[in-house]
């Protein structure tokens, strides 16, 4: 049985991905070429990275995900603002921020707890919702790092839109020389619709 590299995430609507793609292109024109940029179509909000997963566990995970989503209401989050991990002076990951209600934390914690029961290691850091735009190469010079930090600090905070979370997706990640391709394996719909006010 071949293991499948997998993760659980929230997919973004096409118009939000397009805005993120435009932002990424602007940054690429301003920043040194020491960053591996995530293609706009691959940007998503990760809830749980699973790594190598057996087909049997994928079935369990799909059922767990469906049960957790079914008992929750749809919710919205907004995106905007730039930041870096682990810190602004030591940028390794460039991200766009996510401002979300508590429902997102509750959903992520529930999926994390169920994955733990299946034997998946918990993430060593607290959940910090974000959308990864790019990763800084290890061999970036101190000058490159300073340029990245300075630009991110000065970049205006813009609201890039909102996302209505109506489902959660279990993805397979296929790696190749051209990068990663994400294939949806299972989708779990949220149980209660978001009511317009």
Protein backbone atom coordinates (compact mmCIF):
# COMPACT_ATOMS: atom_id res chain seq x y z
CA UNK A 1 0.00 0.00 0.00
CA UNK A 2 1.55 3.28 -1.12
CA UNK A 3 1.33 6.21 1.31
CA UNK A 4 -0.28 9.40 0.03
CA UNK A 5 0.93 12.86 1.07
CA UNK A 6 -2.20 14.59 2.34
CA UNK A 7 -3.59 17.60 4.16
CA UNK A 8 -6.94 19.07 5.22
CA UNK A 9 -7.70 22.63 4.13
CA UNK A 10 -10.23 25.29 3.21
CA UNK A 11 -10.28 26.07 -0.50
CA UNK A 12 -10.44 29.70 -1.60
CA UNK A 13 -12.82 31.05 -4.24
CA UNK A 14 -11.31 31.82 -7.66
CA UNK A 15 -11.69 35.61 -7.27
CA UNK A 16 -9.77 35.60 -3.98
CA UNK A 17 -7.03 33.46 -5.50
CA UNK A 18 -6.84 35.91 -8.42
CA UNK A 19 -6.32 38.85 -5.99
CA UNK A 20 -3.64 36.89 -4.16
CA UNK A 21 -1.98 36.15 -7.51
CA UNK A 22 -1.93 39.87 -8.35
CA UNK A 23 -0.39 40.67 -4.95
CA UNK A 24 2.20 37.92 -5.42
CA UNK A 25 3.16 39.33 -8.86
CA UNK A 26 3.60 42.83 -7.39
CA UNK A 27 5.82 41.48 -4.63
CA UNK A 28 7.87 39.44 -7.10
CA UNK A 29 8.66 42.63 -9.03
CA UNK A 30 9.86 44.36 -5.83
CA UNK A 31 11.67 41.59 -3.97
CA UNK A 32 14.99 39.80 -4.68
CA UNK A 33 14.72 36.49 -6.61
CA UNK A 34 15.39 34.32 -3.53
CA UNK A 35 11.75 33.35 -2.89
CA UNK A 36 9.87 30.28 -4.11
CA UNK A 37 6.40 31.65 -4.82
CA UNK A 38 3.29 29.53 -4.37
CA UNK A 39 1.17 29.46 -7.55
CA UNK A 40 -2.10 31.33 -6.90
CA UNK A 41 -4.17 28.20 -7.68
CA UNK A 42 -2.36 26.33 -4.89
CA UNK A 43 -3.03 28.89 -2.14
CA UNK A 44 -5.38 27.55 0.54
CA UNK A 45 -5.91 27.72 4.31
CA UNK A 46 -4.36 24.61 5.85
CA UNK A 47 -6.16 23.17 8.87
CA UNK A 48 -3.99 20.06 9.29
CA UNK A 49 -0.94 18.83 7.37
CA UNK A 50 -0.99 15.03 7.59
CA UNK A 51 2.07 14.01 5.58
CA UNK A 52 2.32 10.42 4.36
CA UNK A 53 -1.03 8.75 4.94
CA UNK A 54 -2.29 5.23 4.22
CA UNK A 55 -5.41 4.78 2.03
CA UNK A 56 -7.19 3.25 5.05
CA UNK A 57 -6.47 6.32 7.18
CA UNK A 58 -7.67 8.56 4.36
CA UNK A 59 -11.08 6.88 4.59
CA UNK A 60 -11.17 7.45 8.38
CA UNK A 61 -10.05 11.06 7.95
CA UNK A 62 -12.76 11.73 5.35
CA UNK A 63 -15.40 10.40 7.78
CA UNK A 64 -13.99 12.43 10.69
CA UNK A 65 -13.92 15.55 8.54
CA UNK A 66 -17.52 14.99 7.39
CA UNK A 67 -18.72 14.52 10.99
CA UNK A 68 -16.93 17.65 12.25
CA UNK A 69 -18.16 19.80 9.35
CA UNK A 70 -21.76 18.53 9.65
CA UNK A 71 -22.08 19.72 13.24
CA UNK A 72 -20.81 23.23 12.45
CA UNK A 73 -22.26 26.33 10.83
CA UNK A 74 -20.82 28.08 7.78
CA UNK A 75 -18.77 31.16 8.69
CA UNK A 76 -16.79 33.91 6.99
CA UNK A 77 -13.24 35.14 7.33
CA UNK A 78 -11.46 38.10 5.75
CA UNK A 79 -7.94 38.24 4.39
CA UNK A 80 -5.41 41.05 4.22
CA UNK A 81 -2.08 42.32 5.49
CA UNK A 82 1.36 40.78 5.03
CA UNK A 83 3.63 39.09 7.55
CA UNK A 84 6.45 36.58 7.86
CA UNK A 85 7.34 33.53 9.91
CA UNK A 86 9.21 33.06 12.18
CA UNK A 87 9.62 36.85 12.55
CA UNK A 88 9.79 39.99 10.43
CA UNK A 89 13.58 40.17 10.83
CA UNK A 90 14.07 36.48 9.97
CA UNK A 91 11.59 35.92 7.14
CA UNK A 92 11.31 32.31 6.01
CA UNK A 93 7.62 32.29 4.99
CA UNK A 94 5.76 35.27 3.52
CA UNK A 95 2.03 35.17 4.23
CA UNK A 96 -1.25 37.04 3.97
CA UNK A 97 -3.18 37.31 7.23
CA UNK A 98 -6.55 35.75 8.02
CA UNK A 99 -9.01 37.46 10.37
CA UNK A 100 -11.50 34.80 11.41
CA UNK A 101 -14.17 34.20 14.05
CA UNK A 102 -13.69 31.61 16.81
CA UNK A 103 -15.46 29.01 14.64
CA UNK A 104 -12.28 28.57 12.61
CA UNK A 105 -10.23 27.79 15.73
CA UNK A 106 -12.91 25.36 16.96
CA UNK A 107 -12.98 23.55 13.61
CA UNK A 108 -9.19 23.31 13.42
CA UNK A 109 -8.85 22.08 17.02
CA UNK A 110 -11.50 19.41 16.49
CA UNK A 111 -9.76 18.11 13.34
CA UNK A 112 -6.38 18.21 15.12
CA UNK A 113 -7.77 16.22 18.07
CA UNK A 114 -9.32 13.55 15.82
CA UNK A 115 -6.11 13.27 13.76
CA UNK A 116 -4.16 12.84 17.02
CA UNK A 117 -6.41 9.89 17.92
CA UNK A 118 -5.42 8.30 14.60
CA UNK A 119 -1.74 8.70 15.50
CA UNK A 120 -0.83 11.93 13.69
CA UNK A 121 1.57 14.18 15.56
CA UNK A 122 0.19 17.52 16.72
CA UNK A 123 1.67 20.62 15.15
CA UNK A 124 4.38 21.93 17.47
CA UNK A 125 3.11 25.52 17.17
CA UNK A 126 -0.27 27.03 18.02
CA UNK A 127 -2.66 27.36 15.06
CA UNK A 128 -2.02 30.67 13.30
CA UNK A 129 -4.31 30.95 10.27
CA UNK A 130 -2.53 32.37 7.22
CA UNK A 131 -2.18 31.98 3.45
CA UNK A 132 1.38 31.23 2.32
CA UNK A 133 2.53 33.34 -0.64
CA UNK A 134 6.19 32.28 -0.75
CA UNK A 135 9.15 30.71 1.02
CA UNK A 136 12.54 32.42 1.31
CA UNK A 137 15.48 30.28 0.18
CA UNK A 138 17.91 29.18 2.89
CA UNK A 139 20.81 30.73 0.94
CA UNK A 140 19.31 34.26 0.88
CA UNK A 141 21.95 36.85 1.70
CA UNK A 142 21.62 39.19 4.73
CA UNK A 143 21.00 42.01 2.23
CA UNK A 144 18.16 40.05 0.58
CA UNK A 145 16.63 39.30 3.99
CA UNK A 146 16.78 42.99 4.94
CA UNK A 147 15.06 44.01 1.68
CA UNK A 148 12.28 41.47 2.28
CA UNK A 149 11.78 42.63 5.88
CA UNK A 150 11.73 46.32 4.96
CA UNK A 151 9.19 45.87 2.16
CA UNK A 152 6.83 43.70 4.25
CA UNK A 153 6.96 46.23 7.12
CA UNK A 154 6.07 49.13 4.81
CA UNK A 155 3.48 47.34 2.69
CA UNK A 156 -0.01 48.86 3.08
CA UNK A 157 -2.61 46.70 4.83
CA UNK A 158 -5.31 46.03 2.24
CA UNK A 159 -8.44 43.95 2.63
CA UNK A 160 -8.24 41.36 -0.14
CA UNK A 161 -11.75 40.02 0.34
CA UNK A 162 -13.73 37.58 2.40
CA UNK A 163 -14.27 33.84 2.19
CA UNK A 164 -17.46 32.04 3.14
CA UNK A 165 -16.47 28.65 4.53
CA UNK A 166 -19.07 26.14 3.37
CA UNK A 167 -16.88 23.04 3.18
CA UNK A 168 -13.58 21.46 4.17
CA UNK A 169 -11.44 19.46 1.74
CA UNK A 170 -9.06 16.52 2.15
CA UNK A 171 -6.30 16.94 -0.47
CA UNK A 172 -3.64 14.71 -1.93
CA UNK A 173 -0.35 16.52 -2.64
CA UNK A 174 1.62 15.18 -5.62
CA UNK A 175 5.19 16.48 -5.74
CA UNK A 176 7.17 16.80 -8.97
CA UNK A 177 10.00 18.89 -10.39
CA UNK A 178 7.39 21.44 -11.52
CA UNK A 179 6.10 21.80 -7.94
CA UNK A 180 3.10 20.47 -6.04
CA UNK A 181 -0.26 19.53 -7.54
CA UNK A 182 -3.20 19.34 -5.14
CA UNK A 183 -5.99 16.85 -5.87
CA UNK A 184 -9.22 16.88 -3.79
CA UNK A 185 -9.94 13.42 -2.36
CA UNK A 186 -12.99 14.18 -0.20
CA UNK A 187 -15.18 17.19 0.56
CA UNK A 188 -17.19 17.74 3.75
CA UNK A 189 -20.04 20.26 3.70
CA UNK A 190 -20.75 22.43 6.72
CA UNK A 191 -24.05 21.50 8.36
CA UNK A 192 -25.74 24.87 8.64
CA UNK A 193 -25.88 27.61 6.02
CA UNK A 194 -24.75 31.17 6.69
CA UNK A 195 -27.88 33.33 6.85
CA UNK A 196 -27.73 36.72 5.10
CA UNK A 197 -28.58 39.61 7.42
